[in-house]
Amino acid sequence: MNTYGKNFTITLFGESHGPFTGVVIDGVKPGIALSEEDFRADLVRRKNGDIPSLAQGITARKEEDTPIFISGLLDGTTTGAPLAILFENKTQNSKDYGKFRNQPRPSHADFAASVKFKGFNDPRGGGMFSGRMTLPLVAAGVVAKKMLSDAGLNITFKAEVSSIGGVACLDKWLEIIQKAKEEKDSVGGEITCRIEGVPAGIGEPFFNSLESQIAHLAFSVPGVKGIFFGDLASSLKGSEFNDAIINRSGSTATNHSGGINGGISNGNPIVFTLEIRPAASIGKPQRTFNFQTEKVEELCIGGRHDACIALRCPVIAEAIAAIALADNCC
């Protein structure tokens, strides 16, 4: 299904090369001021990334990404009805995608989607599996942030690229991306998100733990292959990983657990890191099975592709965190 949430519910729809993508958000409180301008900063971050010097690692596809409000907004304020937001797809280039029905791209969703949907799925630009679908997801995150603020919570979100190609040094990233582009290849990366101001007591034990809710949303983002909270714990001893409580408010001397214990926020900053895979669509020739000829043959993928999809993911990490918190707090 394409719906998430119980109290703050989002439903994504559309495909990468269809006329629109969009989101319907239910549970939005009435009377919240909302305008196109509220979305601008986060939508630009999703389009261009946060690091201008690395812009060459981002696809050449440029869309206006202007939100069109078709329900739930009147005279600049939410009405309490489901909030429906559309985004036009204006610069589709679908000619490169028809062959993927016969020769699915390695590590892309082409084959699995064809089996799941009996060959009726839209393969153009990856269809519903495209990174384009993070646009309405980020829009939902904008609304979630507004909901949290309207509820009187002073929560801040700050996500950043923390490594590219396994390297944590910013000075090396441009070289890594340039080399990948020259080789018609791609590289992965990590995104670390820090959330301040989340009160203690948010989340549930077991299946609705705050970690599992954020992770649920994280794995709905194309390209995410892993998530961990706080610091990687497997190589540490208990005496090294444990966070000592230093006052009555629950503040800790360290934050190795990333602000969550037992699935419930403990009042310290929530910190999580996303592992982003290299983009599956690359220009470098690959050998993969052709279902029409029944042979393994060379596949060359044309079109416009990111050399590093992680560059556009910080704002997406913030959006999923805001959505999870809005579902718990609003």
Foldseek 3Di string as FASTA:
>chain_A
DQWDFDQWIKGWDWWQPDFKTKIKIANQDWDQFDDQVLLPPLLVCLQQFDDNVQSVLGWPDDFPLGWDWDDQDDPRIGHNGITMIIGGDDDFDQPQFPQCCQFPFPPACSVVVCVVVVNPADRGCHICLHLVRLSNLLVLLSSLVSLCVVLVFPKDKFKDWQFKQPHRDPVCVNVVLVVCVVLQHAIETKMKMKMARDAWFFFDADPTQLVNQLVVLQVSRRFWDDKAWAAPPPVDDPVVQDWDQDDPLRDTPGPNRQQGDNSIGSNGIHMMMTIGGIDSQTQRWDWGAGNVVRDTDIDGGDDIRRRYSVSSCRSSSSSSSSSSVSSGRD
